Amino acid sequence: MPTIYHAFIQFSGAVVFSVLHFISAFFQVPLIARSRRAFYTHFGLFEFNRLPMRISVGSKGLTRVIDELLQI
């Protein structure tokens, strides 16, 4: 993620601003079939169809999507 300093430089002179809510952002990014991993719980066998919220995977994937959206 960019630092606040770089964000201010990127958006200087902008006229319109919006608020992005990332409360459920991880679960809005679809996964391709080869990236899906199954996991087992006492409720049964499941797999994520959306980006799971984990530090090792989720933060990198969400950062890539944000960079593409904002074209940073």
PDB file of N, CA and C in Angstrom:
ATOM      1  N   MET A   1       0.839  -1.172   0.000  1.00  0.00           N
ATOM      2  CA  MET A   1       0.000   0.000   0.000  1.00  0.00           C
ATOM      3  C   MET A   1       0.889   1.242   0.000  1.00  0.00           C
ATOM      4  N   PRO A   2       0.456   2.283  -0.688  1.00  0.00           N
ATOM      5  CA  PRO A   2       1.253   3.499  -0.707  1.00  0.00           C
ATOM      6  C   PRO A   2       1.219   4.205   0.647  1.00  0.00           C
ATOM      7  N   THR A   3       2.266   4.968   0.905  1.00  0.00           N
ATOM      8  CA  THR A   3       2.289   5.747   2.134  1.00  0.00           C
ATOM      9  C   THR A   3       1.321   6.922   1.991  1.00  0.00           C
ATOM     10  N   ILE A   4       0.970   7.524   3.092  1.00  0.00           N
ATOM     11  CA  ILE A   4       0.043   8.660   3.052  1.00  0.00           C
ATOM     12  C   ILE A   4       0.642   9.817   2.254  1.00  0.00           C
ATOM     13  N   TYR A   5       1.956   9.974   2.329  1.00  0.00           N
ATOM     14  CA  TYR A   5       2.629  11.022   1.567  1.00  0.00           C
ATOM     15  C   TYR A   5       2.434  10.809   0.067  1.00  0.00           C
ATOM     16  N   HIS A   6       2.661   9.575  -0.409  1.00  0.00           N
ATOM     17  CA  HIS A   6       2.485   9.278  -1.825  1.00  0.00           C
ATOM     18  C   HIS A   6       1.017   9.381  -2.247  1.00  0.00           C
ATOM     19  N   ALA A   7       0.107   9.049  -1.361  1.00  0.00           N
ATOM     20  CA  ALA A   7      -1.317   9.175  -1.666  1.00  0.00           C
ATOM     21  C   ALA A   7      -1.688  10.647  -1.874  1.00  0.00           C
ATOM     22  N   PHE A   8      -1.174  11.536  -1.018  1.00  0.00           N
ATOM     23  CA  PHE A   8      -1.454  12.967  -1.177  1.00  0.00           C
ATOM     24  C   PHE A   8      -0.880  13.503  -2.484  1.00  0.00           C
ATOM     25  N   ILE A   9       0.293  13.047  -2.860  1.00  0.00           N
ATOM     26  CA  ILE A   9       0.888  13.466  -4.130  1.00  0.00           C
ATOM     27  C   ILE A   9       0.042  12.953  -5.294  1.00  0.00           C
ATOM     28  N   GLN A  10      -0.372  11.700  -5.218  1.00  0.00           N
ATOM     29  CA  GLN A  10      -1.168  11.083  -6.289  1.00  0.00           C
ATOM     30  C   GLN A  10      -2.498  11.801  -6.496  1.00  0.00           C
ATOM     31  N   PHE A  11      -3.129  12.213  -5.409  1.00  0.00           N
ATOM     32  CA  PHE A  11      -4.460  12.801  -5.494  1.00  0.00           C
ATOM     33  C   PHE A  11      -4.474  14.327  -5.426  1.00  0.00           C
ATOM     34  N   SER A  12      -3.302  14.963  -5.467  1.00  0.00           N
ATOM     35  CA  SER A  12      -3.287  16.424  -5.425  1.00  0.00           C
ATOM     36  C   SER A  12      -3.924  16.974  -6.691  1.00  0.00           C
ATOM     37  N   GLY A  13      -4.744  17.980  -6.530  1.00  0.00           N
ATOM     38  CA  GLY A  13      -5.442  18.569  -7.654  1.00  0.00           C
ATOM     39  C   GLY A  13      -6.732  17.860  -8.029  1.00  0.00           C
ATOM     40  N   ALA A  14      -7.051  16.769  -7.345  1.00  0.00           N
ATOM     41  CA  ALA A  14      -8.291  16.043  -7.643  1.00  0.00           C
ATOM     42  C   ALA A  14      -9.492  16.855  -7.173  1.00  0.00           C
ATOM     43  N   VAL A  15     -10.600  16.700  -7.861  1.00  0.00           N
ATOM     44  CA  VAL A  15     -11.807  17.450  -7.536  1.00  0.00           C
ATOM     45  C   VAL A  15     -12.822  16.573  -6.806  1.00  0.00           C
ATOM     46  N   VAL A  16     -12.907  15.312  -7.182  1.00  0.00           N
ATOM     47  CA  VAL A  16     -13.889  14.402  -6.612  1.00  0.00           C
ATOM     48  C   VAL A  16     -13.172  13.355  -5.770  1.00  0.00           C
ATOM     49  N   PHE A  17     -13.674  13.126  -4.562  1.00  0.00           N
ATOM     50  CA  PHE A  17     -13.126  12.111  -3.681  1.00  0.00           C
ATOM     51  C   PHE A  17     -14.246  11.172  -3.254  1.00  0.00           C
ATOM     52  N   SER A  18     -13.897   9.955  -2.941  1.00  0.00           N
ATOM     53  CA  SER A  18     -14.878   8.967  -2.504  1.00  0.00           C
ATOM     54  C   SER A  18     -14.296   8.198  -1.329  1.00  0.00           C
ATOM     55  N   VAL A  19     -15.163   7.523  -0.615  1.00  0.00           N
ATOM     56  CA  VAL A  19     -14.740   6.695   0.511  1.00  0.00           C
ATOM     57  C   VAL A  19     -14.860   5.235   0.097  1.00  0.00           C
ATOM     58  N   LEU A  20     -13.805   4.466   0.338  1.00  0.00           N
ATOM     59  CA  LEU A  20     -13.830   3.037   0.050  1.00  0.00           C
ATOM     60  C   LEU A  20     -13.985   2.278   1.356  1.00  0.00           C
ATOM     61  N   HIS A  21     -14.955   1.408   1.421  1.00  0.00           N
ATOM     62  CA  HIS A  21     -15.178   0.600   2.610  1.00  0.00           C
ATOM     63  C   HIS A  21     -14.572  -0.781   2.386  1.00  0.00           C
ATOM     64  N   PHE A  22     -13.588  -1.137   3.187  1.00  0.00           N
ATOM     65  CA  PHE A  22     -12.898  -2.409   3.024  1.00  0.00           C
ATOM     66  C   PHE A  22     -13.299  -3.434   4.074  1.00  0.00           C
ATOM     67  N   ILE A  23     -14.460  -3.256   4.681  1.00  0.00           N
ATOM     68  CA  ILE A  23     -14.886  -4.196   5.720  1.00  0.00           C
ATOM     69  C   ILE A  23     -15.002  -5.600   5.156  1.00  0.00           C
ATOM     70  N   SER A  24     -15.603  -5.739   3.982  1.00  0.00           N
ATOM     71  CA  SER A  24     -15.740  -7.063   3.376  1.00  0.00           C
ATOM     72  C   SER A  24     -15.061  -7.110   2.014  1.00  0.00           C
ATOM     73  N   ALA A  25     -14.052  -6.292   1.809  1.00  0.00           N
ATOM     74  CA  ALA A  25     -13.395  -6.209   0.506  1.00  0.00           C
ATOM     75  C   ALA A  25     -12.742  -7.515   0.095  1.00  0.00           C
ATOM     76  N   PHE A  26     -12.171  -8.250   1.051  1.00  0.00           N
ATOM     77  CA  PHE A  26     -11.512  -9.509   0.725  1.00  0.00           C
ATOM     78  C   PHE A  26     -12.483 -10.470   0.062  1.00  0.00           C
ATOM     79  N   PHE A  27     -13.712 -10.505   0.554  1.00  0.00           N
ATOM     80  CA  PHE A  27     -14.682 -11.475   0.086  1.00  0.00           C
ATOM     81  C   PHE A  27     -15.382 -11.040  -1.195  1.00  0.00           C
ATOM     82  N   GLN A  28     -14.965  -9.924  -1.796  1.00  0.00           N
ATOM     83  CA  GLN A  28     -15.539  -9.465  -3.049  1.00  0.00           C
ATOM     84  C   GLN A  28     -14.635  -9.752  -4.241  1.00  0.00           C
ATOM     85  N   VAL A  29     -13.419 -10.244  -4.000  1.00  0.00           N
ATOM     86  CA  VAL A  29     -12.472 -10.527  -5.068  1.00  0.00           C
ATOM     87  C   VAL A  29     -12.595 -12.012  -5.437  1.00  0.00           C
ATOM     88  N   PRO A  30     -13.058 -12.331  -6.653  1.00  0.00           N
ATOM     89  CA  PRO A  30     -13.221 -13.738  -7.021  1.00  0.00           C
ATOM     90  C   PRO A  30     -11.877 -14.425  -7.256  1.00  0.00           C
ATOM     91  N   LEU A  31     -11.833 -15.716  -6.989  1.00  0.00           N
ATOM     92  CA  LEU A  31     -10.644 -16.522  -7.236  1.00  0.00           C
ATOM     93  C   LEU A  31     -10.830 -17.346  -8.502  1.00  0.00           C
ATOM     94  N   ILE A  32      -9.740 -17.509  -9.271  1.00  0.00           N
ATOM     95  CA  ILE A  32      -9.811 -18.412 -10.415  1.00  0.00           C
ATOM     96  C   ILE A  32      -9.752 -19.846  -9.898  1.00  0.00           C
ATOM     97  N   ALA A  33     -10.174 -20.799 -10.701  1.00  0.00           N
ATOM     98  CA  ALA A  33     -10.315 -22.192 -10.257  1.00  0.00           C
ATOM     99  C   ALA A  33      -9.009 -22.778  -9.715  1.00  0.00           C
ATOM    100  N   ARG A  34      -7.875 -22.479 -10.335  1.00  0.00           N
ATOM    101  CA  ARG A  34      -6.617 -23.086  -9.884  1.00  0.00           C
ATOM    102  C   ARG A  34      -6.113 -22.511  -8.546  1.00  0.00           C
ATOM    103  N   SER A  35      -6.664 -21.369  -8.125  1.00  0.00           N
ATOM    104  CA  SER A  35      -6.246 -20.756  -6.861  1.00  0.00           C
ATOM    105  C   SER A  35      -7.087 -21.203  -5.678  1.00  0.00           C
ATOM    106  N   ARG A  36      -8.154 -21.924  -5.926  1.00  0.00           N
ATOM    107  CA  ARG A  36      -9.042 -22.357  -4.842  1.00  0.00           C
ATOM    108  C   ARG A  36      -8.432 -23.534  -4.099  1.00  0.00           C
ATOM    109  N   ARG A  37      -8.483 -23.472  -2.780  1.00  0.00           N
ATOM    110  CA  ARG A  37      -7.962 -24.543  -1.929  1.00  0.00           C
ATOM    111  C   ARG A  37      -9.075 -25.025  -1.016  1.00  0.00           C
ATOM    112  N   ALA A  38      -9.213 -26.321  -0.913  1.00  0.00           N
ATOM    113  CA  ALA A  38     -10.233 -26.908  -0.041  1.00  0.00           C
ATOM    114  C   ALA A  38      -9.704 -26.999   1.381  1.00  0.00           C
ATOM    115  N   PHE A  39     -10.607 -26.904   2.343  1.00  0.00           N
ATOM    116  CA  PHE A  39     -10.246 -27.085   3.739  1.00  0.00           C
ATOM    117  C   PHE A  39     -11.363 -27.842   4.433  1.00  0.00           C
ATOM    118  N   TYR A  40     -11.017 -28.553   5.464  1.00  0.00           N
ATOM    119  CA  TYR A  40     -11.967 -29.412   6.154  1.00  0.00           C
ATOM    120  C   TYR A  40     -12.221 -28.885   7.558  1.00  0.00           C
ATOM    121  N   THR A  41     -13.469 -28.849   7.949  1.00  0.00           N
ATOM    122  CA  THR A  41     -13.859 -28.511   9.316  1.00  0.00           C
ATOM    123  C   THR A  41     -14.775 -29.610   9.823  1.00  0.00           C
ATOM    124  N   HIS A  42     -15.204 -29.502  11.063  1.00  0.00           N
ATOM    125  CA  HIS A  42     -16.116 -30.518  11.580  1.00  0.00           C
ATOM    126  C   HIS A  42     -17.507 -30.389  10.954  1.00  0.00           C
ATOM    127  N   PHE A  43     -17.750 -29.309  10.170  1.00  0.00           N
ATOM    128  CA  PHE A  43     -19.007 -29.154   9.438  1.00  0.00           C
ATOM    129  C   PHE A  43     -18.946 -29.764   8.046  1.00  0.00           C
ATOM    130  N   GLY A  44     -17.754 -30.100   7.560  1.00  0.00           N
ATOM    131  CA  GLY A  44     -17.598 -30.693   6.231  1.00  0.00           C
ATOM    132  C   GLY A  44     -16.441 -30.090   5.464  1.00  0.00           C
ATOM    133  N   LEU A  45     -16.396 -30.385   4.163  1.00  0.00           N
ATOM    134  CA  LEU A  45     -15.333 -29.926   3.272  1.00  0.00           C
ATOM    135  C   LEU A  45     -15.799 -28.663   2.546  1.00  0.00           C
ATOM    136  N   PHE A  46     -14.960 -27.637   2.548  1.00  0.00           N
ATOM    137  CA  PHE A  46     -15.310 -26.355   1.945  1.00  0.00           C
ATOM    138  C   PHE A  46     -14.145 -25.846   1.117  1.00  0.00           C
ATOM    139  N   GLU A  47     -14.429 -24.870   0.247  1.00  0.00           N
ATOM    140  CA  GLU A  47     -13.365 -24.158  -0.462  1.00  0.00           C
ATOM    141  C   GLU A  47     -13.799 -22.712  -0.661  1.00  0.00           C
ATOM    142  N   PHE A  48     -12.825 -21.817  -0.652  1.00  0.00           N
ATOM    143  CA  PHE A  48     -13.107 -20.408  -0.869  1.00  0.00           C
ATOM    144  C   PHE A  48     -13.300 -20.156  -2.358  1.00  0.00           C
ATOM    145  N   ASN A  49     -14.371 -19.478  -2.729  1.00  0.00           N
ATOM    146  CA  ASN A  49     -14.586 -19.016  -4.095  1.00  0.00           C
ATOM    147  C   ASN A  49     -14.190 -17.552  -4.234  1.00  0.00           C
ATOM    148  N   ARG A  50     -14.000 -16.904  -3.112  1.00  0.00           N
ATOM    149  CA  ARG A  50     -13.564 -15.513  -3.042  1.00  0.00           C
ATOM    150  C   ARG A  50     -12.265 -15.445  -2.264  1.00  0.00           C
ATOM    151  N   LEU A  51     -11.574 -14.331  -2.354  1.00  0.00           N
ATOM    152  CA  LEU A  51     -10.288 -14.152  -1.689  1.00  0.00           C
ATOM    153  C   LEU A  51     -10.434 -14.296  -0.183  1.00  0.00           C
ATOM    154  N   PRO A  52      -9.735 -15.262   0.431  1.00  0.00           N
ATOM    155  CA  PRO A  52      -9.843 -15.419   1.886  1.00  0.00           C
ATOM    156  C   PRO A  52      -9.086 -14.307   2.608  1.00  0.00           C
ATOM    157  N   MET A  53      -9.519 -13.984   3.799  1.00  0.00           N
ATOM    158  CA  MET A  53      -8.905 -12.919   4.579  1.00  0.00           C
ATOM    159  C   MET A  53      -7.797 -13.511   5.447  1.00  0.00           C
ATOM    160  N   ARG A  54      -6.624 -13.699   4.836  1.00  0.00           N
ATOM    161  CA  ARG A  54      -5.450 -14.184   5.550  1.00  0.00           C
ATOM    162  C   ARG A  54      -4.303 -13.231   5.271  1.00  0.00           C
ATOM    163  N   ILE A  55      -3.391 -13.125   6.193  1.00  0.00           N
ATOM    164  CA  ILE A  55      -2.266 -12.200   6.037  1.00  0.00           C
ATOM    165  C   ILE A  55      -1.384 -12.605   4.870  1.00  0.00           C
ATOM    166  N   SER A  56      -1.132 -13.905   4.688  1.00  0.00           N
ATOM    167  CA  SER A  56      -0.194 -14.342   3.656  1.00  0.00           C
ATOM    168  C   SER A  56      -0.742 -14.186   2.242  1.00  0.00           C
ATOM    169  N   VAL A  57      -2.046 -14.265   2.058  1.00  0.00           N
ATOM    170  CA  VAL A  57      -2.630 -14.222   0.720  1.00  0.00           C
ATOM    171  C   VAL A  57      -3.498 -12.990   0.518  1.00  0.00           C
ATOM    172  N   GLY A  58      -4.395 -12.754   1.438  1.00  0.00           N
ATOM    173  CA  GLY A  58      -5.409 -11.721   1.271  1.00  0.00           C
ATOM    174  C   GLY A  58      -4.864 -10.325   1.115  1.00  0.00           C
ATOM    175  N   SER A  59      -3.892  -9.956   1.923  1.00  0.00           N
ATOM    176  CA  SER A  59      -3.386  -8.580   1.863  1.00  0.00           C
ATOM    177  C   SER A  59      -2.694  -8.292   0.538  1.00  0.00           C
ATOM    178  N   LYS A  60      -1.932  -9.241   0.015  1.00  0.00           N
ATOM    179  CA  LYS A  60      -1.269  -9.034  -1.276  1.00  0.00           C
ATOM    180  C   LYS A  60      -2.277  -8.964  -2.415  1.00  0.00           C
ATOM    181  N   GLY A  61      -3.250  -9.848  -2.378  1.00  0.00           N
ATOM    182  CA  GLY A  61      -4.266  -9.853  -3.430  1.00  0.00           C
ATOM    183  C   GLY A  61      -5.110  -8.604  -3.419  1.00  0.00           C
ATOM    184  N   LEU A  62      -5.524  -8.169  -2.234  1.00  0.00           N
ATOM    185  CA  LEU A  62      -6.336  -6.956  -2.131  1.00  0.00           C
ATOM    186  C   LEU A  62      -5.531  -5.724  -2.528  1.00  0.00           C
ATOM    187  N   THR A  63      -4.273  -5.661  -2.167  1.00  0.00           N
ATOM    188  CA  THR A  63      -3.414  -4.543  -2.555  1.00  0.00           C
ATOM    189  C   THR A  63      -3.289  -4.463  -4.067  1.00  0.00           C
ATOM    190  N   ARG A  64      -3.136  -5.617  -4.729  1.00  0.00           N
ATOM    191  CA  ARG A  64      -3.041  -5.636  -6.189  1.00  0.00           C
ATOM    192  C   ARG A  64      -4.331  -5.110  -6.826  1.00  0.00           C
ATOM    193  N   VAL A  65      -5.478  -5.505  -6.302  1.00  0.00           N
ATOM    194  CA  VAL A  65      -6.759  -5.043  -6.845  1.00  0.00           C
ATOM    195  C   VAL A  65      -6.915  -3.544  -6.630  1.00  0.00           C
ATOM    196  N   ILE A  66      -6.547  -3.037  -5.459  1.00  0.00           N
ATOM    197  CA  ILE A  66      -6.648  -1.593  -5.190  1.00  0.00           C
ATOM    198  C   ILE A  66      -5.739  -0.813  -6.106  1.00  0.00           C
ATOM    199  N   ASP A  67      -4.502  -1.301  -6.318  1.00  0.00           N
ATOM    200  CA  ASP A  67      -3.570  -0.625  -7.217  1.00  0.00           C
ATOM    201  C   ASP A  67      -4.122  -0.574  -8.637  1.00  0.00           C
ATOM    202  N   GLU A  68      -4.763  -1.656  -9.076  1.00  0.00           N
ATOM    203  CA  GLU A  68      -5.348  -1.658 -10.420  1.00  0.00           C
ATOM    204  C   GLU A  68      -6.521  -0.701 -10.511  1.00  0.00           C
ATOM    205  N   LEU A  69      -7.340  -0.659  -9.463  1.00  0.00           N
ATOM    206  CA  LEU A  69      -8.494   0.249  -9.472  1.00  0.00           C
ATOM    207  C   LEU A  69      -8.071   1.710  -9.477  1.00  0.00           C
ATOM    208  N   LEU A  70      -7.089   2.033  -8.654  1.00  0.00           N
ATOM    209  CA  LEU A  70      -6.645   3.428  -8.539  1.00  0.00           C
ATOM    210  C   LEU A  70      -5.550   3.768  -9.524  1.00  0.00           C
ATOM    211  N   GLN A  71      -5.050   2.776 -10.247  1.00  0.00           N
ATOM    212  CA  GLN A  71      -3.967   2.938 -11.216  1.00  0.00           C
ATOM    213  C   GLN A  71      -2.756   3.610 -10.616  1.00  0.00           C
ATOM    214  N   ILE A  72      -2.322   3.074  -9.474  1.00  0.00           N
ATOM    215  CA  ILE A  72      -1.149   3.615  -8.775  1.00  0.00           C
ATOM    216  C   ILE A  72       0.104   3.007  -9.361  1.00  0.00           C
TER     217      ILE A  72
END
